[in-house]
N, C-alpha and C. Protein backbone atom coordinates (compact mmCIF):
# COMPACT_ATOMS: atom_id res chain seq x y z
N MET A 1 0.85 -1.11 -0.05
CA MET A 1 0.08 0.29 -0.03
C MET A 1 0.86 1.08 0.12
N GLU A 2 1.61 0.82 0.50
CA GLU A 2 2.28 1.94 1.05
C GLU A 2 3.46 1.17 1.70
N GLN A 3 3.36 3.12 -1.02
CA GLN A 3 4.14 3.59 -2.50
C GLN A 3 4.64 3.58 -3.05
N PRO A 4 18.29 11.85 -14.38
CA PRO A 4 17.76 13.12 -14.93
C PRO A 4 18.07 12.83 -16.89
N LEU A 5 24.55 17.92 -24.94
CA LEU A 5 24.31 18.77 -25.90
C LEU A 5 25.74 18.67 -26.56
N HIS A 6 24.90 18.05 -27.28
CA HIS A 6 25.80 18.37 -28.35
C HIS A 6 25.71 19.16 -28.93
N SER A 7 26.83 20.14 -29.31
CA SER A 7 26.67 21.08 -30.37
C SER A 7 28.15 20.58 -31.07
N THR A 8 28.04 21.51 -32.42
CA THR A 8 29.13 21.90 -33.42
C THR A 8 29.11 23.18 -33.49
N VAL A 9 30.71 23.91 -33.67
CA VAL A 9 31.08 25.01 -33.94
C VAL A 9 31.98 25.13 -34.94
N GLU A 10 31.79 25.74 -36.12
CA GLU A 10 32.69 26.06 -37.28
C GLU A 10 33.18 27.39 -37.42
N ALA A 11 34.22 27.45 -37.67
CA ALA A 11 34.76 28.80 -38.04
C ALA A 11 35.59 28.62 -39.27
N LYS A 12 35.54 29.58 -40.32
CA LYS A 12 36.02 29.93 -41.61
C LYS A 12 37.71 29.87 -41.07
N ASP A 13 38.56 29.56 -42.01
CA ASP A 13 39.75 29.91 -41.72
C ASP A 13 40.54 29.73 -40.79
N SER A 14 39.91 28.45 -39.97
CA SER A 14 40.59 28.03 -38.53
C SER A 14 41.30 26.84 -38.80
N ALA A 15 42.20 26.76 -37.99
CA ALA A 15 43.03 25.28 -37.95
C ALA A 15 43.38 25.04 -36.60
N VAL A 16 43.74 23.73 -36.72
CA VAL A 16 44.02 22.97 -35.36
C VAL A 16 45.18 22.00 -35.70
N THR A 17 45.87 22.03 -34.50
CA THR A 17 47.09 20.99 -34.57
C THR A 17 47.00 20.41 -33.61
N PRO A 18 47.17 18.94 -34.31
CA PRO A 18 46.89 17.84 -33.33
C PRO A 18 48.29 17.75 -32.46
N VAL A 19 47.77 17.37 -31.02
CA VAL A 19 48.48 17.21 -30.08
C VAL A 19 49.27 15.95 -30.30
N SER A 20 50.80 16.38 -30.02
CA SER A 20 52.00 15.62 -30.37
C SER A 20 51.88 14.35 -29.13
N SER A 21 52.09 13.21 -29.57
CA SER A 21 51.77 11.99 -28.96
C SER A 21 53.30 11.19 -28.89
N PRO A 22 53.79 10.73 -27.81
CA PRO A 22 54.85 10.05 -27.62
C PRO A 22 55.05 8.96 -28.30
N LEU A 23 53.83 8.20 -29.09
CA LEU A 23 54.17 7.19 -29.40
C LEU A 23 53.68 7.39 -31.25
N SER A 24 54.45 6.65 -31.96
CA SER A 24 54.26 6.63 -33.28
C SER A 24 53.17 5.79 -33.85
N PRO A 25 52.47 5.66 -35.02
CA PRO A 25 51.10 5.31 -34.85
C PRO A 25 51.60 3.62 -35.29
N LYS A 26 52.82 3.14 -35.35
CA LYS A 26 53.10 1.67 -35.10
C LYS A 26 53.06 1.43 -33.61
N GLU A 27 53.15 2.22 -32.89
CA GLU A 27 53.29 2.11 -31.34
C GLU A 27 52.02 2.01 -30.70
N LYS A 28 51.42 2.81 -31.13
CA LYS A 28 50.11 3.15 -30.22
C LYS A 28 49.31 1.43 -30.16
N LYS A 29 48.94 1.67 -28.68
CA LYS A 29 48.29 0.22 -28.21
C LYS A 29 46.97 0.44 -28.65
N GLU A 30 46.47 -0.81 -28.89
CA GLU A 30 44.85 -1.03 -28.84
C GLU A 30 44.21 -0.99 -27.60
N PRO A 31 43.25 -0.23 -27.42
CA PRO A 31 42.19 0.02 -25.81
C PRO A 31 42.07 -1.21 -25.53
N SER A 32 42.12 -1.47 -24.30
CA SER A 32 41.92 -2.99 -23.77
C SER A 32 40.38 -3.08 -23.91
N PHE A 33 39.90 -4.23 -23.40
CA PHE A 33 38.29 -4.19 -23.23
C PHE A 33 37.99 -3.83 -21.89
N LEU A 34 38.94 -4.00 -20.91
CA LEU A 34 38.57 -3.38 -19.52
C LEU A 34 38.38 -2.24 -19.49
N GLY A 35 39.65 -1.93 -20.18
CA GLY A 35 39.61 -0.14 -20.23
C GLY A 35 38.25 0.53 -20.97
N GLU A 36 37.67 -0.07 -21.88
CA GLU A 36 36.63 0.24 -22.67
C GLU A 36 35.57 0.14 -21.89
N PHE A 37 35.50 -1.22 -21.00
CA PHE A 37 34.17 -1.31 -20.20
C PHE A 37 34.23 -0.44 -18.96
N PHE A 38 35.48 -0.14 -18.61
CA PHE A 38 35.44 0.74 -17.59
C PHE A 38 35.00 2.47 -17.72
N ARG A 39 35.45 2.97 -19.29
CA ARG A 39 35.06 3.82 -19.42
C ARG A 39 33.27 4.11 -20.01
N PHE A 40 33.00 3.01 -20.31
CA PHE A 40 31.50 2.92 -20.68
C PHE A 40 30.79 3.38 -19.45
N SER A 41 31.39 2.37 -18.41
CA SER A 41 30.72 2.29 -17.31
C SER A 41 30.18 3.78 -16.30
N LEU A 42 31.86 4.42 -16.60
CA LEU A 42 31.66 5.75 -16.06
C LEU A 42 30.91 6.99 -16.39
N ILE A 43 30.93 6.57 -18.24
CA ILE A 43 30.13 7.77 -18.75
C ILE A 43 28.26 7.54 -18.10
N ALA A 44 28.34 6.06 -18.39
CA ALA A 44 26.55 5.59 -17.89
C ALA A 44 26.30 6.15 -16.42
N ILE A 45 27.32 5.93 -15.52
CA ILE A 45 27.08 6.40 -14.04
C ILE A 45 26.28 8.26 -14.31
N ILE A 46 27.61 8.91 -14.88
CA ILE A 46 27.80 10.29 -14.90
C ILE A 46 26.49 10.47 -15.45
N ILE A 47 25.84 9.95 -16.51
CA ILE A 47 24.94 10.61 -17.14
C ILE A 47 23.62 9.72 -16.12
N VAL A 48 23.47 8.45 -16.02
CA VAL A 48 22.48 7.97 -15.12
C VAL A 48 22.02 8.59 -14.07
N VAL A 49 23.06 8.41 -13.18
CA VAL A 49 22.72 8.85 -11.70
C VAL A 49 22.16 10.52 -11.41
N PRO A 50 22.62 11.34 -12.14
CA PRO A 50 21.89 12.55 -12.22
C PRO A 50 20.30 12.34 -12.36
N ILE A 51 20.34 11.87 -13.58
CA ILE A 51 18.80 11.65 -13.99
C ILE A 51 17.82 10.67 -12.86
N ARG A 52 18.75 9.44 -12.23
CA ARG A 52 17.83 8.97 -11.11
C ARG A 52 17.67 9.65 -10.21
N PHE A 53 18.79 10.74 -9.55
CA PHE A 53 18.18 11.38 -8.28
C PHE A 53 17.48 12.60 -8.59
N PHE A 54 17.49 13.28 -9.86
CA PHE A 54 17.30 14.80 -9.68
C PHE A 54 15.83 14.89 -11.11
N VAL A 55 15.98 13.59 -11.94
CA VAL A 55 14.61 14.11 -12.94
C VAL A 55 13.89 13.07 -12.98
N ALA A 56 13.93 11.54 -12.86
CA ALA A 56 12.97 10.71 -12.94
C ALA A 56 13.42 9.53 -12.20
N GLN A 57 12.55 8.97 -11.43
CA GLN A 57 12.75 7.69 -10.72
C GLN A 57 12.14 6.56 -10.54
N PRO A 58 12.35 5.55 -10.96
CA PRO A 58 11.56 4.23 -11.05
C PRO A 58 10.79 3.56 -9.76
N PHE A 59 9.68 3.21 -9.59
CA PHE A 59 8.84 2.58 -8.84
C PHE A 59 8.09 1.73 -8.92
N ILE A 60 8.06 0.55 -8.44
CA ILE A 60 7.04 -0.57 -8.44
C ILE A 60 5.53 -0.53 -7.14
N VAL A 61 4.71 -0.59 -8.07
CA VAL A 61 3.65 -0.17 -6.81
C VAL A 61 3.40 -1.55 -6.28
N SER A 62 3.12 -1.24 -4.74
CA SER A 62 2.47 -2.71 -4.14
C SER A 62 1.33 -2.10 -3.08
N GLY A 63 0.73 -3.04 -3.37
CA GLY A 63 -0.41 -2.96 -2.44
C GLY A 63 -1.82 -2.17 -3.06
N ALA A 64 -2.78 -2.36 -2.18
CA ALA A 64 -4.05 -2.26 -2.77
C ALA A 64 -4.52 -0.55 -2.79
N SER A 65 -4.18 0.14 -2.12
CA SER A 65 -4.67 1.40 -1.80
C SER A 65 -4.90 2.16 -2.98
N MET A 66 -4.22 2.00 -4.32
CA MET A 66 -4.63 2.70 -5.59
C MET A 66 -5.49 1.86 -6.35
N GLU A 67 -5.86 0.77 -6.36
CA GLU A 67 -6.75 -0.13 -6.92
C GLU A 67 -8.07 0.62 -7.52
N ASN A 68 -8.72 0.70 -8.26
CA ASN A 68 -8.35 -0.19 -9.62
C ASN A 68 -7.24 0.70 -10.53
N THR A 69 -6.77 1.76 -10.21
CA THR A 69 -6.47 2.67 -10.91
C THR A 69 -4.62 2.19 -11.14
N PHE A 70 -3.98 1.77 -10.11
CA PHE A 70 -2.97 0.96 -10.23
C PHE A 70 -2.95 -0.40 -9.47
N GLU A 71 -2.04 -1.46 -9.91
CA GLU A 71 -1.96 -2.86 -9.46
C GLU A 71 -0.72 -2.80 -8.84
N THR A 72 -0.75 -3.88 -7.83
CA THR A 72 0.68 -4.14 -7.26
C THR A 72 1.44 -5.08 -8.76
N GLY A 73 2.83 -4.64 -8.66
CA GLY A 73 3.57 -5.01 -9.84
C GLY A 73 3.80 -4.14 -10.95
N GLU A 74 3.08 -2.93 -10.93
CA GLU A 74 3.07 -2.00 -12.34
C GLU A 74 4.22 -1.18 -11.84
N TYR A 75 5.22 -1.07 -13.16
CA TYR A 75 6.05 -0.30 -12.84
C TYR A 75 6.31 1.08 -13.50
N LEU A 76 6.31 2.21 -12.52
CA LEU A 76 6.18 3.39 -13.01
C LEU A 76 7.42 4.37 -12.74
N ILE A 77 7.28 5.13 -13.90
CA ILE A 77 8.69 6.13 -13.93
C ILE A 77 7.86 7.63 -13.14
N VAL A 78 8.69 7.96 -12.47
CA VAL A 78 8.04 9.18 -11.52
C VAL A 78 8.91 10.50 -11.72
N ASP A 79 8.22 11.50 -12.33
CA ASP A 79 8.41 12.59 -12.85
C ASP A 79 8.83 13.49 -11.64
N GLN A 80 10.45 14.01 -11.35
CA GLN A 80 10.87 14.98 -10.38
C GLN A 80 10.98 16.16 -10.41
N VAL A 81 10.82 16.67 -11.71
CA VAL A 81 11.07 17.64 -12.14
C VAL A 81 9.89 18.94 -12.03
N THR A 82 8.90 18.40 -12.53
CA THR A 82 7.27 19.27 -12.80
C THR A 82 7.24 20.06 -11.89
N TYR A 83 7.38 19.59 -10.46
CA TYR A 83 6.93 20.30 -8.88
C TYR A 83 7.95 20.91 -8.71
N LYS A 84 9.19 21.41 -9.02
CA LYS A 84 10.14 22.11 -9.30
C LYS A 84 9.69 23.55 -9.47
N LEU A 85 8.70 23.05 -10.97
CA LEU A 85 8.69 24.55 -11.49
C LEU A 85 7.11 24.79 -11.34
N SER A 86 6.42 24.06 -11.14
CA SER A 86 5.11 24.39 -10.74
C SER A 86 4.50 23.83 -9.66
N GLU A 87 3.04 24.12 -9.06
CA GLU A 87 2.26 23.35 -7.77
C GLU A 87 1.86 21.90 -8.46
N PRO A 88 1.65 21.37 -7.75
CA PRO A 88 0.61 19.81 -7.64
C PRO A 88 -0.63 20.56 -8.21
N SER A 89 -1.41 19.68 -8.95
CA SER A 89 -2.76 20.24 -9.27
C SER A 89 -3.52 19.14 -8.56
N ARG A 90 -5.04 19.55 -8.38
CA ARG A 90 -5.88 18.32 -7.85
C ARG A 90 -6.30 17.47 -8.91
N GLY A 91 -5.99 16.55 -8.28
CA GLY A 91 -6.27 14.76 -9.14
C GLY A 91 -4.87 14.54 -9.48
N ASP A 92 -3.98 15.25 -9.55
CA ASP A 92 -2.40 14.29 -9.84
C ASP A 92 -2.51 13.35 -8.65
N VAL A 93 -1.67 12.35 -9.50
CA VAL A 93 -1.45 10.90 -8.65
C VAL A 93 0.22 11.47 -8.27
N ILE A 94 0.76 11.23 -7.20
CA ILE A 94 1.89 11.69 -6.73
C ILE A 94 2.53 10.51 -5.74
N VAL A 95 3.88 10.34 -5.99
CA VAL A 95 4.89 9.61 -4.72
C VAL A 95 5.21 10.61 -3.86
N PHE A 96 5.50 10.07 -2.60
CA PHE A 96 5.69 11.22 -1.60
C PHE A 96 6.57 10.27 -0.40
N HIS A 97 6.87 10.74 0.19
CA HIS A 97 7.69 10.04 1.66
C HIS A 97 6.63 9.86 2.93
N TYR A 98 6.41 8.70 3.05
CA TYR A 98 5.43 8.70 4.19
C TYR A 98 5.83 9.67 5.65
N PRO A 99 4.73 10.38 5.91
CA PRO A 99 5.31 11.62 6.70
C PRO A 99 5.46 11.03 8.31
N LYS A 100 5.24 9.62 8.62
CA LYS A 100 5.36 9.00 9.79
C LYS A 100 6.73 8.08 9.46
N ASP A 101 7.35 7.57 8.50
CA ASP A 101 8.57 6.91 7.97
C ASP A 101 9.01 7.79 6.85
N PRO A 102 9.79 8.66 6.82
CA PRO A 102 10.03 9.29 5.68
C PRO A 102 10.96 8.08 4.41
N SER A 103 11.32 7.13 5.30
CA SER A 103 12.15 6.01 4.48
C SER A 103 11.16 5.03 3.68
N LYS A 104 10.01 5.23 3.57
CA LYS A 104 8.79 4.84 3.00
C LYS A 104 8.15 5.53 2.00
N PHE A 105 7.90 5.10 0.87
CA PHE A 105 7.27 6.29 -0.15
C PHE A 105 5.97 5.45 -0.60
N TYR A 106 4.83 6.50 -0.35
CA TYR A 106 3.65 6.05 -0.70
C TYR A 106 3.15 6.88 -2.12
N ILE A 107 2.02 6.04 -2.58
CA ILE A 107 1.42 6.92 -3.79
C ILE A 107 0.00 6.94 -3.42
N LYS A 108 -0.33 8.15 -3.64
CA LYS A 108 -1.60 8.67 -3.39
C LYS A 108 -2.32 9.73 -4.76
N ARG A 109 -3.46 10.18 -4.39
CA ARG A 109 -3.86 11.09 -5.03
C ARG A 109 -4.43 12.46 -4.66
N VAL A 110 -4.25 13.63 -5.36
CA VAL A 110 -3.92 14.84 -4.54
C VAL A 110 -5.63 15.36 -4.61
N ILE A 111 -5.95 15.77 -3.52
CA ILE A 111 -7.51 15.98 -3.26
C ILE A 111 -7.59 17.13 -3.15
N GLY A 112 -6.83 17.99 -1.77
CA GLY A 112 -7.08 18.98 -1.44
C GLY A 112 -5.55 19.83 -1.23
N LEU A 113 -5.75 21.44 -1.84
CA LEU A 113 -4.81 21.96 -2.20
C LEU A 113 -4.50 22.78 -0.84
N PRO A 114 -3.65 23.70 -1.03
CA PRO A 114 -3.10 24.98 0.17
C PRO A 114 -4.38 25.76 0.03
N GLY A 115 -5.25 26.08 1.39
CA GLY A 115 -6.09 27.14 1.57
C GLY A 115 -7.56 26.44 1.03
N ASP A 116 -7.53 25.05 1.04
CA ASP A 116 -8.84 24.53 0.67
C ASP A 116 -9.27 23.64 2.20
N THR A 117 -10.46 23.79 2.30
CA THR A 117 -11.03 23.31 3.69
C THR A 117 -11.51 22.03 2.83
N VAL A 118 -11.25 20.87 3.20
CA VAL A 118 -11.89 19.36 2.62
C VAL A 118 -12.70 18.61 4.00
N SER A 119 -13.99 18.70 3.74
CA SER A 119 -14.72 18.28 4.22
C SER A 119 -15.53 16.49 3.74
N ILE A 120 -15.50 15.71 4.95
CA ILE A 120 -15.99 14.19 4.06
C ILE A 120 -17.17 14.12 5.14
N VAL A 121 -18.18 13.95 4.72
CA VAL A 121 -19.51 13.05 5.23
C VAL A 121 -20.07 12.26 4.78
N ASP A 122 -20.22 10.82 4.88
CA ASP A 122 -20.49 9.47 4.54
C ASP A 122 -19.44 9.27 3.39
N ALA A 123 -19.69 8.97 2.43
CA ALA A 123 -18.76 8.91 1.39
C ALA A 123 -18.53 9.90 0.34
N GLN A 124 -18.60 11.39 0.76
CA GLN A 124 -18.52 12.41 0.07
C GLN A 124 -17.87 13.41 0.05
N VAL A 125 -16.96 13.83 -0.54
CA VAL A 125 -15.76 14.68 -0.17
C VAL A 125 -16.09 16.32 -0.82
N THR A 126 -15.93 17.04 0.27
CA THR A 126 -16.43 18.38 -0.35
C THR A 126 -15.18 19.25 -0.16
N ILE A 127 -14.97 20.28 -1.08
CA ILE A 127 -13.96 20.99 -0.88
C ILE A 127 -14.75 22.92 -0.92
N THR A 128 -13.82 23.45 0.12
CA THR A 128 -14.60 25.00 0.05
C THR A 128 -13.34 25.46 0.16
N ASN A 129 -13.21 26.58 -0.78
CA ASN A 129 -12.04 27.78 -0.68
C ASN A 129 -12.74 28.99 -0.97
N THR A 130 -11.80 29.76 -1.21
CA THR A 130 -12.11 31.33 -1.57
C THR A 130 -12.95 31.34 -3.08
N GLU A 131 -12.58 30.72 -3.84
CA GLU A 131 -13.26 30.71 -5.06
C GLU A 131 -14.57 30.13 -4.79
N HIS A 132 -15.31 29.30 -3.89
CA HIS A 132 -16.01 28.19 -3.85
C HIS A 132 -16.75 27.98 -2.33
N PRO A 133 -16.90 29.58 -1.93
CA PRO A 133 -17.27 29.51 -0.48
C PRO A 133 -18.37 28.50 -0.34
N GLU A 134 -19.13 28.06 -0.93
CA GLU A 134 -20.43 27.42 -0.57
C GLU A 134 -20.05 25.82 -0.66
N GLY A 135 -18.59 25.65 -1.16
CA GLY A 135 -18.14 24.27 -1.09
C GLY A 135 -18.63 23.42 -2.46
N VAL A 136 -17.89 22.75 -3.10
CA VAL A 136 -18.06 21.86 -4.36
C VAL A 136 -17.92 20.06 -4.07
N VAL A 137 -18.89 19.48 -4.32
CA VAL A 137 -18.80 18.13 -3.95
C VAL A 137 -17.89 17.65 -5.28
N LEU A 138 -16.55 17.03 -4.68
CA LEU A 138 -16.11 16.17 -5.98
C LEU A 138 -16.81 15.04 -6.64
N ASP A 139 -16.45 15.00 -8.04
CA ASP A 139 -16.93 13.82 -8.94
C ASP A 139 -15.74 13.13 -8.88
N GLU A 140 -15.84 11.52 -8.05
CA GLU A 140 -14.48 11.20 -8.09
C GLU A 140 -14.86 9.53 -8.97
N PRO A 141 -15.00 9.35 -10.04
CA PRO A 141 -15.25 8.27 -10.86
C PRO A 141 -14.44 7.19 -10.47
N TYR A 142 -12.94 7.61 -10.10
CA TYR A 142 -11.75 6.61 -10.26
C TYR A 142 -12.00 5.58 -8.82
N ILE A 143 -12.66 6.41 -8.07
CA ILE A 143 -12.78 5.38 -6.88
C ILE A 143 -12.97 4.10 -6.64
N LYS A 144 -12.63 3.10 -6.05
CA LYS A 144 -13.35 1.63 -6.12
C LYS A 144 -14.48 1.48 -5.25
N HIS A 145 -14.12 1.84 -3.92
CA HIS A 145 -14.84 1.52 -2.92
C HIS A 145 -14.32 2.70 -1.79
N MET A 146 -15.65 3.34 -1.36
CA MET A 146 -15.27 4.19 0.04
C MET A 146 -16.66 3.83 0.75
N SER A 147 -16.43 3.42 1.93
CA SER A 147 -17.50 3.45 3.15
C SER A 147 -18.03 4.62 3.60
N PRO A 148 -19.24 5.03 4.05
CA PRO A 148 -19.59 6.14 4.64
C PRO A 148 -18.84 5.93 5.94
N ALA A 149 -18.50 7.12 6.40
CA ALA A 149 -17.56 7.51 7.57
C ALA A 149 -18.16 8.60 8.52
N ALA A 150 -17.76 8.71 9.76
CA ALA A 150 -17.91 9.71 10.48
C ALA A 150 -17.49 10.74 9.88
N PRO A 151 -18.34 12.22 10.23
CA PRO A 151 -18.14 13.38 9.55
C PRO A 151 -16.69 13.91 10.17
N SER A 152 -15.60 14.75 9.14
CA SER A 152 -14.59 15.31 9.30
C SER A 152 -14.12 16.33 8.49
N SER A 153 -13.07 17.18 8.97
CA SER A 153 -12.89 18.14 8.27
C SER A 153 -11.68 19.14 8.56
N VAL A 154 -10.77 19.28 7.59
CA VAL A 154 -9.58 19.80 7.65
C VAL A 154 -9.23 20.85 6.66
N THR A 155 -8.93 22.23 7.25
CA THR A 155 -8.41 23.02 6.60
C THR A 155 -6.80 23.52 6.38
N LEU A 156 -6.10 23.25 4.97
CA LEU A 156 -4.99 23.06 4.82
C LEU A 156 -4.06 24.66 4.74
N GLY A 157 -3.01 24.57 5.49
CA GLY A 157 -2.19 25.61 5.30
C GLY A 157 -1.43 25.83 4.07
N THR A 158 -0.68 26.99 4.40
CA THR A 158 0.44 27.03 3.22
C THR A 158 1.20 25.72 2.97
N ASP A 159 1.26 25.19 1.64
CA ASP A 159 2.32 24.31 1.44
C ASP A 159 1.77 22.55 2.08
N GLU A 160 0.45 22.87 2.40
CA GLU A 160 -0.37 21.30 2.67
C GLU A 160 -1.25 21.12 1.77
N TYR A 161 -1.02 19.33 1.78
CA TYR A 161 -1.94 18.91 0.57
C TYR A 161 -2.59 17.65 1.43
N PHE A 162 -3.81 17.55 0.93
CA PHE A 162 -4.74 16.12 1.36
C PHE A 162 -4.70 15.38 0.25
N VAL A 163 -4.37 14.06 0.51
CA VAL A 163 -4.39 13.28 -0.34
C VAL A 163 -4.73 11.89 0.48
N MET A 164 -5.42 11.09 -0.71
CA MET A 164 -6.17 9.92 -0.48
C MET A 164 -6.13 8.87 -1.76
N GLY A 165 -6.02 7.46 -1.27
CA GLY A 165 -5.85 6.48 -2.25
C GLY A 165 -7.36 6.14 -2.65
N ASP A 166 -7.12 5.81 -4.17
CA ASP A 166 -8.45 5.47 -4.76
C ASP A 166 -9.54 4.45 -4.19
N ASN A 167 -8.46 3.51 -3.63
CA ASN A 167 -9.42 2.62 -2.96
C ASN A 167 -9.43 2.60 -1.34
N ARG A 168 -10.49 3.37 -0.92
CA ARG A 168 -10.65 4.30 0.12
C ARG A 168 -10.46 3.44 1.41
N ASP A 169 -11.25 2.30 1.32
CA ASP A 169 -11.40 1.59 2.18
C ASP A 169 -9.82 0.90 2.41
N LYS A 170 -9.29 0.58 1.70
CA LYS A 170 -7.49 -0.16 1.87
C LYS A 170 -6.51 1.07 2.10
N SER A 171 -6.85 2.39 2.02
CA SER A 171 -5.96 3.28 1.96
C SER A 171 -5.61 3.83 3.72
N SER A 172 -4.24 3.85 3.63
CA SER A 172 -3.75 5.03 4.91
C SER A 172 -3.30 6.31 4.11
N ASP A 173 -4.22 7.14 4.45
CA ASP A 173 -3.73 8.55 3.93
C ASP A 173 -4.16 9.71 4.87
N SER A 174 -4.52 10.87 4.28
CA SER A 174 -4.36 11.87 5.04
C SER A 174 -5.76 11.97 6.28
N ARG A 175 -6.59 10.97 5.67
CA ARG A 175 -7.89 11.09 6.72
C ARG A 175 -7.17 10.12 8.14
N ILE A 176 -6.14 9.64 7.94
CA ILE A 176 -5.42 8.59 9.18
C ILE A 176 -4.52 9.25 9.67
N TRP A 177 -3.21 9.83 9.03
CA TRP A 177 -2.03 10.43 9.34
C TRP A 177 -1.88 11.78 9.07
N GLY A 178 -2.92 12.70 8.59
CA GLY A 178 -2.76 13.85 8.63
C GLY A 178 -2.52 14.61 7.32
N VAL A 179 -2.35 16.00 7.06
CA VAL A 179 -1.98 16.57 5.99
C VAL A 179 -0.53 16.11 5.26
N LEU A 180 -0.34 16.37 4.39
CA LEU A 180 1.07 16.18 3.66
C LEU A 180 1.75 17.51 2.96
N THR A 181 3.01 17.56 3.69
CA THR A 181 3.64 19.00 3.45
C THR A 181 4.22 18.47 2.07
N ARG A 182 4.72 20.28 1.84
CA ARG A 182 5.02 20.01 0.05
C ARG A 182 6.46 19.58 -0.25
N GLU A 183 7.22 19.76 1.11
CA GLU A 183 8.67 19.06 1.08
C GLU A 183 8.55 17.46 0.95
N GLY A 184 7.39 16.77 1.30
CA GLY A 184 7.75 15.39 1.78
C GLY A 184 7.25 15.04 0.03
N ILE A 185 6.60 15.86 -1.18
CA ILE A 185 6.77 15.05 -2.23
C ILE A 185 7.63 14.67 -3.19
N VAL A 186 7.76 13.56 -3.80
CA VAL A 186 8.94 13.22 -4.63
C VAL A 186 8.56 13.71 -5.76
N GLY A 187 7.64 13.41 -6.56
CA GLY A 187 7.16 13.52 -8.01
C GLY A 187 5.72 13.22 -8.23
N ARG A 188 5.43 13.10 -9.59
CA ARG A 188 3.97 12.75 -10.13
C ARG A 188 4.36 11.55 -11.08
N ALA A 189 3.23 10.45 -10.69
CA ALA A 189 3.34 9.70 -12.19
C ALA A 189 3.31 10.04 -13.03
N TYR A 190 4.54 10.00 -13.76
CA TYR A 190 4.52 10.31 -15.38
C TYR A 190 4.24 9.16 -16.52
N LEU A 191 5.28 8.08 -16.33
CA LEU A 191 4.49 6.99 -17.09
C LEU A 191 4.49 5.65 -16.49
N ARG A 192 3.75 4.72 -17.09
CA ARG A 192 3.39 3.37 -16.72
C ARG A 192 3.89 2.62 -17.56
N LEU A 193 5.13 1.91 -17.29
CA LEU A 193 5.86 1.32 -18.22
C LEU A 193 5.31 -0.11 -18.50
N PHE A 194 5.05 -0.80 -16.87
CA PHE A 194 4.76 -2.25 -17.12
C PHE A 194 3.54 -2.50 -16.38
N PRO A 195 2.92 -3.27 -16.58
CA PRO A 195 2.58 -4.01 -17.92
C PRO A 195 2.21 -3.27 -19.16
N ILE A 196 3.09 -3.95 -20.37
CA ILE A 196 2.95 -3.12 -21.63
C ILE A 196 1.49 -2.87 -22.07
N THR A 197 0.54 -3.60 -21.74
CA THR A 197 -0.93 -3.47 -22.41
C THR A 197 -1.46 -2.37 -21.56
N ASN A 198 -1.27 -1.94 -20.47
CA ASN A 198 -1.31 -0.61 -19.74
C ASN A 198 -0.81 0.35 -19.71
N ALA A 199 0.61 0.27 -20.50
CA ALA A 199 1.69 1.70 -20.42
C ALA A 199 0.98 2.60 -20.87
N ALA A 200 1.25 3.87 -20.04
CA ALA A 200 0.48 5.21 -20.29
C ALA A 200 1.21 6.50 -19.76
N TYR A 201 1.03 7.56 -20.34
CA TYR A 201 1.63 8.83 -20.15
C TYR A 201 0.56 9.43 -18.92
N LEU A 202 1.36 9.90 -17.64
CA LEU A 202 0.84 10.64 -16.63
C LEU A 202 -0.61 9.53 -16.28
N PRO A 203 -0.41 8.18 -16.05
CA PRO A 203 -1.11 7.37 -15.80
C PRO A 203 -1.89 7.66 -14.49
N GLY A 204 -3.50 7.71 -14.33
CA GLY A 204 -3.91 8.01 -13.21
C GLY A 204 -5.02 9.30 -13.15
N THR A 205 -4.09 10.12 -13.73
CA THR A 205 -4.44 11.51 -13.69
C THR A 205 -5.81 12.06 -13.85
N TYR A 206 -6.68 12.57 -13.34
CA TYR A 206 -7.59 13.01 -13.80
C TYR A 206 -8.33 14.38 -13.34
N ASP A 207 -8.51 15.03 -13.54
CA ASP A 207 -9.43 16.73 -13.85
C ASP A 207 -10.35 16.42 -12.73
N ILE A 208 -10.07 16.54 -11.33
CA ILE A 208 -11.60 16.63 -10.07
C ILE A 208 -11.98 18.21 -10.27
N ASN A 209 -13.38 17.68 -10.86
CA ASN A 209 -14.09 19.05 -10.83
C ASN A 209 -13.37 20.20 -11.62
N SER A 210 -12.92 20.24 -12.62
CA SER A 210 -12.19 21.63 -13.33
C SER A 210 -12.48 22.77 -12.88
N GLU A 211 -13.83 22.88 -12.37
CA GLU A 211 -14.48 24.33 -11.80
C GLU A 211 -13.36 24.33 -10.61
N VAL A 212 -13.08 23.27 -9.54
CA VAL A 212 -12.82 23.61 -8.39
C VAL A 212 -11.26 24.11 -8.76
N ASN A 213 -10.41 23.78 -9.78
CA ASN A 213 -9.24 24.03 -9.88
C ASN A 213 -8.79 25.48 -10.25
N GLN A 214 -10.00 26.30 -10.67
CA GLN A 214 -9.80 27.60 -11.17
C GLN A 214 -9.52 28.47 -10.14
């Protein structure tokens, strides 16, 4: 359940001088296999590691909290750049550090944004904010199941988010452990690569009541 140029410059009338080598053409040594392998590995590390830690990161889904949107064993690529340039949107599927144990990663859907009041009555979620002081009931067709529960309400501060799983009855989320802070977010689900039959771009993303997002 729980959850990184190549350029060519030409100049007229320019000349280059080859760097002298202590070895004549006949004396030049062919590169060894181990040397080439080491060089290739070093280049790969230089390219892959920054991507891995700063641009995109792979995750494998485990647990039932996001069924039927995501199933156990699905392979995801999480975009770690977008939220450095913009804010999460309502309906985004995100991966984040579990607030109670940051070594763990959870995957949930963004329901409430900073400044929102999120109210849950029975199995209905209502968002109240400055644009909609009377409140807007969310249309959530992605939910697998959500049993009626005791009324609850929380108002989100700056950089606070309310997240829930799509399989509400099997999800440990903001209803249980509280709000998620902005600094805990790793990124959004960007690609689903496996299984191939379910491969998708921005898998699971849904524009929850587009009028609420305005």
